[in-house]
C-alpha cells in the first residue's frame, strides 16, 4: 500500500489550501450570475424528457435573459471598478 496517498488525503484540507478572502469576495460578486445560470439549467432540465411546451419555451427564454442581464451587471461592475481604481498614467 502506498502511504503517500494517505498523507495526501490527510493534508488535502490544510488551512493554506482554503480560498483566500479575495477569492471568496469574487465568488460573492459572481453569485447573481451563478444563480441565474442554475435557474436556466433547471428550466432546460425540465424539458429533457418531454416535448417543450410554449410555457417551457418562455421559461427558458426568460432564464436566458436573466443570465445575460446578470452577466451584463457583473461586467459593468468590473468595468466601473477598473475605471475608479485605474486613473490616468
N, C-alpha and C. Protein backbone atom coordinates (compact mmCIF):
# COMPACT_ATOMS: atom_id res chain seq x y z
N UNK A 1 0.85 -1.18 0.00
CA UNK A 1 0.00 0.00 0.00
C UNK A 1 0.89 1.23 0.00
N UNK A 2 0.44 2.25 -0.67
CA UNK A 2 1.22 3.46 -0.80
C UNK A 2 0.83 4.44 0.29
N UNK A 3 1.77 4.75 1.20
CA UNK A 3 1.48 5.66 2.31
C UNK A 3 1.37 7.11 1.87
N UNK A 4 1.91 7.46 0.73
CA UNK A 4 1.88 8.85 0.27
C UNK A 4 0.45 9.27 -0.04
N UNK A 5 -0.36 8.40 -0.61
CA UNK A 5 -1.74 8.78 -0.91
C UNK A 5 -2.53 9.04 0.36
N UNK A 6 -2.26 8.28 1.42
CA UNK A 6 -2.93 8.54 2.69
C UNK A 6 -2.51 9.89 3.24
N UNK A 7 -1.25 10.25 3.10
CA UNK A 7 -0.75 11.54 3.56
C UNK A 7 -1.38 12.67 2.76
N UNK A 8 -1.50 12.48 1.45
CA UNK A 8 -2.13 13.49 0.61
C UNK A 8 -3.58 13.71 1.01
N UNK A 9 -4.28 12.64 1.33
CA UNK A 9 -5.67 12.75 1.72
C UNK A 9 -5.81 13.50 3.04
N UNK A 10 -4.89 13.31 3.93
CA UNK A 10 -4.95 13.99 5.23
C UNK A 10 -4.62 15.46 5.08
N UNK A 11 -3.65 15.79 4.23
CA UNK A 11 -3.22 17.19 4.10
C UNK A 11 -3.99 17.94 3.02
N UNK A 12 -4.94 17.31 2.37
CA UNK A 12 -5.67 17.99 1.30
C UNK A 12 -6.51 19.13 1.83
N UNK A 13 -6.86 19.11 3.07
CA UNK A 13 -7.70 20.16 3.62
C UNK A 13 -6.93 21.06 4.58
N UNK A 14 -5.66 21.23 4.29
CA UNK A 14 -4.84 22.11 5.12
C UNK A 14 -5.32 23.55 5.00
N UNK A 15 -5.15 24.35 6.04
CA UNK A 15 -5.65 25.73 6.03
C UNK A 15 -5.12 26.58 4.88
N UNK A 16 -3.90 26.34 4.45
CA UNK A 16 -3.35 27.16 3.38
C UNK A 16 -3.94 26.81 2.02
N UNK A 17 -4.74 25.76 1.94
CA UNK A 17 -5.40 25.42 0.69
C UNK A 17 -6.82 25.97 0.61
N UNK A 18 -7.25 26.66 1.65
CA UNK A 18 -8.58 27.26 1.67
C UNK A 18 -8.60 28.48 0.75
N UNK A 19 -9.76 28.86 0.25
CA UNK A 19 -9.82 30.06 -0.59
C UNK A 19 -9.47 31.30 0.23
N UNK A 20 -8.85 32.23 -0.43
CA UNK A 20 -8.48 33.48 0.23
C UNK A 20 -9.72 34.37 0.34
N UNK A 21 -9.59 35.44 1.10
CA UNK A 21 -10.70 36.39 1.22
C UNK A 21 -11.02 37.02 -0.13
N UNK A 22 -10.01 37.29 -0.94
CA UNK A 22 -10.24 37.87 -2.26
C UNK A 22 -11.01 36.90 -3.16
N UNK A 23 -10.67 35.62 -3.08
CA UNK A 23 -11.40 34.62 -3.88
C UNK A 23 -12.85 34.49 -3.42
N UNK A 24 -13.07 34.53 -2.12
CA UNK A 24 -14.44 34.47 -1.59
C UNK A 24 -15.24 35.70 -2.00
N UNK A 25 -14.59 36.87 -2.02
CA UNK A 25 -15.26 38.09 -2.46
C UNK A 25 -15.63 38.01 -3.94
N UNK A 26 -14.75 37.42 -4.75
CA UNK A 26 -15.03 37.26 -6.17
C UNK A 26 -16.22 36.32 -6.39
N UNK A 27 -16.27 35.26 -5.60
CA UNK A 27 -17.40 34.33 -5.70
C UNK A 27 -18.70 35.03 -5.30
N UNK A 28 -18.63 35.81 -4.23
CA UNK A 28 -19.81 36.56 -3.77
C UNK A 28 -20.29 37.52 -4.84
N UNK A 29 -19.35 38.16 -5.54
CA UNK A 29 -19.70 39.10 -6.60
C UNK A 29 -20.36 38.38 -7.78
N UNK A 30 -19.96 37.14 -8.03
CA UNK A 30 -20.49 36.38 -9.16
C UNK A 30 -21.75 35.58 -8.82
N UNK A 31 -22.21 35.60 -7.58
CA UNK A 31 -23.36 34.79 -7.18
C UNK A 31 -24.63 35.07 -7.98
N UNK A 32 -24.96 36.33 -8.35
CA UNK A 32 -26.16 36.51 -9.19
C UNK A 32 -26.06 35.79 -10.54
N UNK A 33 -24.88 35.77 -11.12
CA UNK A 33 -24.69 35.06 -12.39
C UNK A 33 -24.83 33.56 -12.17
N UNK A 34 -24.25 33.06 -11.11
CA UNK A 34 -24.33 31.63 -10.80
C UNK A 34 -25.77 31.22 -10.57
N UNK A 35 -26.51 32.02 -9.81
CA UNK A 35 -27.92 31.70 -9.54
C UNK A 35 -28.75 31.73 -10.82
N UNK A 36 -28.49 32.70 -11.69
CA UNK A 36 -29.23 32.78 -12.95
C UNK A 36 -28.90 31.59 -13.85
N UNK A 37 -27.65 31.16 -13.87
CA UNK A 37 -27.28 30.00 -14.68
C UNK A 37 -27.90 28.72 -14.13
N UNK A 38 -28.02 28.62 -12.82
CA UNK A 38 -28.68 27.46 -12.23
C UNK A 38 -30.16 27.44 -12.61
N UNK A 39 -30.80 28.59 -12.59
CA UNK A 39 -32.21 28.67 -12.98
C UNK A 39 -32.39 28.28 -14.45
N UNK A 40 -31.48 28.71 -15.31
CA UNK A 40 -31.54 28.32 -16.72
C UNK A 40 -31.36 26.82 -16.87
N UNK A 41 -30.41 26.26 -16.16
CA UNK A 41 -30.18 24.82 -16.22
C UNK A 41 -31.41 24.06 -15.74
N UNK A 42 -32.04 24.52 -14.67
CA UNK A 42 -33.27 23.88 -14.18
C UNK A 42 -34.37 23.91 -15.23
N UNK A 43 -34.51 25.06 -15.90
CA UNK A 43 -35.54 25.17 -16.93
C UNK A 43 -35.25 24.23 -18.10
N UNK A 44 -33.99 24.09 -18.46
CA UNK A 44 -33.63 23.19 -19.56
C UNK A 44 -33.80 21.73 -19.15
N UNK A 45 -33.48 21.39 -17.92
CA UNK A 45 -33.63 20.01 -17.45
C UNK A 45 -35.08 19.58 -17.46
N UNK A 46 -36.00 20.50 -17.15
CA UNK A 46 -37.42 20.14 -17.13
C UNK A 46 -37.93 19.68 -18.49
N UNK A 47 -37.27 20.10 -19.56
CA UNK A 47 -37.76 19.76 -20.89
C UNK A 47 -37.01 18.58 -21.52
N UNK A 48 -36.14 17.92 -20.77
CA UNK A 48 -35.36 16.83 -21.35
C UNK A 48 -36.19 15.60 -21.67
N UNK A 49 -37.16 15.26 -20.83
CA UNK A 49 -37.89 14.01 -21.01
C UNK A 49 -39.26 14.17 -21.65
N UNK A 50 -39.54 15.36 -22.13
CA UNK A 50 -40.84 15.58 -22.80
C UNK A 50 -40.69 16.72 -23.79
N UNK A 51 -41.60 16.81 -24.73
CA UNK A 51 -41.53 17.93 -25.68
C UNK A 51 -41.76 19.25 -24.95
N UNK A 52 -41.06 20.28 -25.39
CA UNK A 52 -41.19 21.59 -24.76
C UNK A 52 -42.51 22.23 -25.15
N UNK A 53 -43.24 22.70 -24.16
CA UNK A 53 -44.48 23.42 -24.41
C UNK A 53 -44.15 24.90 -24.59
N UNK A 54 -45.17 25.68 -24.91
CA UNK A 54 -44.98 27.13 -25.04
C UNK A 54 -44.52 27.73 -23.71
N UNK A 55 -45.07 27.23 -22.62
CA UNK A 55 -44.67 27.71 -21.30
C UNK A 55 -43.20 27.39 -21.02
N UNK A 56 -42.77 26.20 -21.39
CA UNK A 56 -41.36 25.83 -21.22
C UNK A 56 -40.45 26.74 -22.04
N UNK A 57 -40.86 27.00 -23.26
CA UNK A 57 -40.07 27.87 -24.14
C UNK A 57 -39.93 29.26 -23.54
N UNK A 58 -41.03 29.79 -23.02
CA UNK A 58 -40.97 31.12 -22.38
C UNK A 58 -40.11 31.09 -21.13
N UNK A 59 -40.21 30.02 -20.36
CA UNK A 59 -39.43 29.90 -19.13
C UNK A 59 -37.93 29.88 -19.46
N UNK A 60 -37.54 29.14 -20.48
CA UNK A 60 -36.13 29.08 -20.88
C UNK A 60 -35.67 30.43 -21.42
N UNK A 61 -36.51 31.06 -22.22
CA UNK A 61 -36.15 32.37 -22.77
C UNK A 61 -35.95 33.40 -21.67
N UNK A 62 -36.86 33.39 -20.68
CA UNK A 62 -36.73 34.31 -19.54
C UNK A 62 -35.46 34.03 -18.74
N UNK A 63 -35.16 32.75 -18.54
CA UNK A 63 -33.96 32.38 -17.80
C UNK A 63 -32.70 32.82 -18.54
N UNK A 64 -32.71 32.69 -19.87
CA UNK A 64 -31.55 33.16 -20.66
C UNK A 64 -31.38 34.66 -20.54
N UNK A 65 -32.50 35.39 -20.56
CA UNK A 65 -32.41 36.85 -20.40
C UNK A 65 -31.87 37.23 -19.03
N UNK A 66 -32.26 36.46 -17.98
CA UNK A 66 -31.72 36.73 -16.64
C UNK A 66 -30.21 36.48 -16.58
N UNK A 67 -29.76 35.44 -17.25
CA UNK A 67 -28.32 35.16 -17.28
C UNK A 67 -27.59 36.30 -17.98
N UNK A 68 -28.10 36.73 -19.12
CA UNK A 68 -27.45 37.82 -19.84
C UNK A 68 -27.45 39.11 -19.02
N UNK A 69 -28.56 39.39 -18.34
CA UNK A 69 -28.62 40.60 -17.51
C UNK A 69 -27.65 40.52 -16.34
N UNK A 70 -27.55 39.36 -15.72
CA UNK A 70 -26.62 39.20 -14.60
C UNK A 70 -25.18 39.32 -15.07
N UNK A 71 -24.87 38.76 -16.23
CA UNK A 71 -23.51 38.89 -16.77
C UNK A 71 -23.21 40.34 -17.13
N UNK A 72 -24.20 41.04 -17.69
CA UNK A 72 -24.02 42.46 -18.03
C UNK A 72 -23.73 43.28 -16.78
N UNK A 73 -24.51 43.04 -15.71
CA UNK A 73 -24.30 43.76 -14.46
C UNK A 73 -22.91 43.47 -13.88
N UNK A 74 -22.49 42.22 -13.94
CA UNK A 74 -21.17 41.85 -13.43
C UNK A 74 -20.07 42.54 -14.23
N UNK A 75 -20.20 42.55 -15.55
CA UNK A 75 -19.17 43.19 -16.36
C UNK A 75 -19.18 44.70 -16.17
N UNK A 76 -20.36 45.30 -15.97
CA UNK A 76 -20.42 46.73 -15.69
C UNK A 76 -19.78 47.06 -14.35
N UNK A 77 -19.99 46.22 -13.35
CA UNK A 77 -19.36 46.44 -12.04
C UNK A 77 -17.85 46.32 -12.15
N UNK A 78 -17.40 45.33 -12.92
CA UNK A 78 -15.96 45.13 -13.09
C UNK A 78 -15.34 46.30 -13.84
N UNK A 79 -16.03 46.80 -14.87
CA UNK A 79 -15.52 47.93 -15.64
C UNK A 79 -15.51 49.19 -14.79
N UNK A 80 -16.52 49.38 -13.96
CA UNK A 80 -16.56 50.55 -13.09
C UNK A 80 -15.44 50.49 -12.05
N UNK A 81 -15.15 49.31 -11.54
CA UNK A 81 -14.08 49.16 -10.55
C UNK A 81 -12.73 49.47 -11.18
N UNK A 82 -12.53 49.06 -12.43
CA UNK A 82 -11.27 49.33 -13.11
C UNK A 82 -11.15 50.82 -13.39
N UNK A 83 -12.25 51.46 -13.79
CA UNK A 83 -12.23 52.88 -14.10
C UNK A 83 -11.94 53.70 -12.84
N UNK A 84 -12.57 53.33 -11.73
CA UNK A 84 -12.37 54.07 -10.49
C UNK A 84 -10.97 53.88 -9.95
N UNK A 85 -10.46 52.65 -9.96
CA UNK A 85 -9.15 52.38 -9.40
C UNK A 85 -8.03 52.69 -10.39
N UNK A 86 -8.36 52.78 -11.68
CA UNK A 86 -7.33 53.00 -12.69
C UNK A 86 -6.76 54.39 -12.64
N UNK A 87 -7.32 55.30 -13.36
CA UNK A 87 -6.82 56.66 -13.37
C UNK A 87 -5.82 56.86 -14.52
N UNK A 88 -5.43 58.10 -14.69
CA UNK A 88 -4.52 58.44 -15.78
C UNK A 88 -3.10 58.06 -15.41
N UNK A 89 -2.36 57.59 -16.42
CA UNK A 89 -0.98 57.17 -16.15
C UNK A 89 -0.02 58.31 -16.32
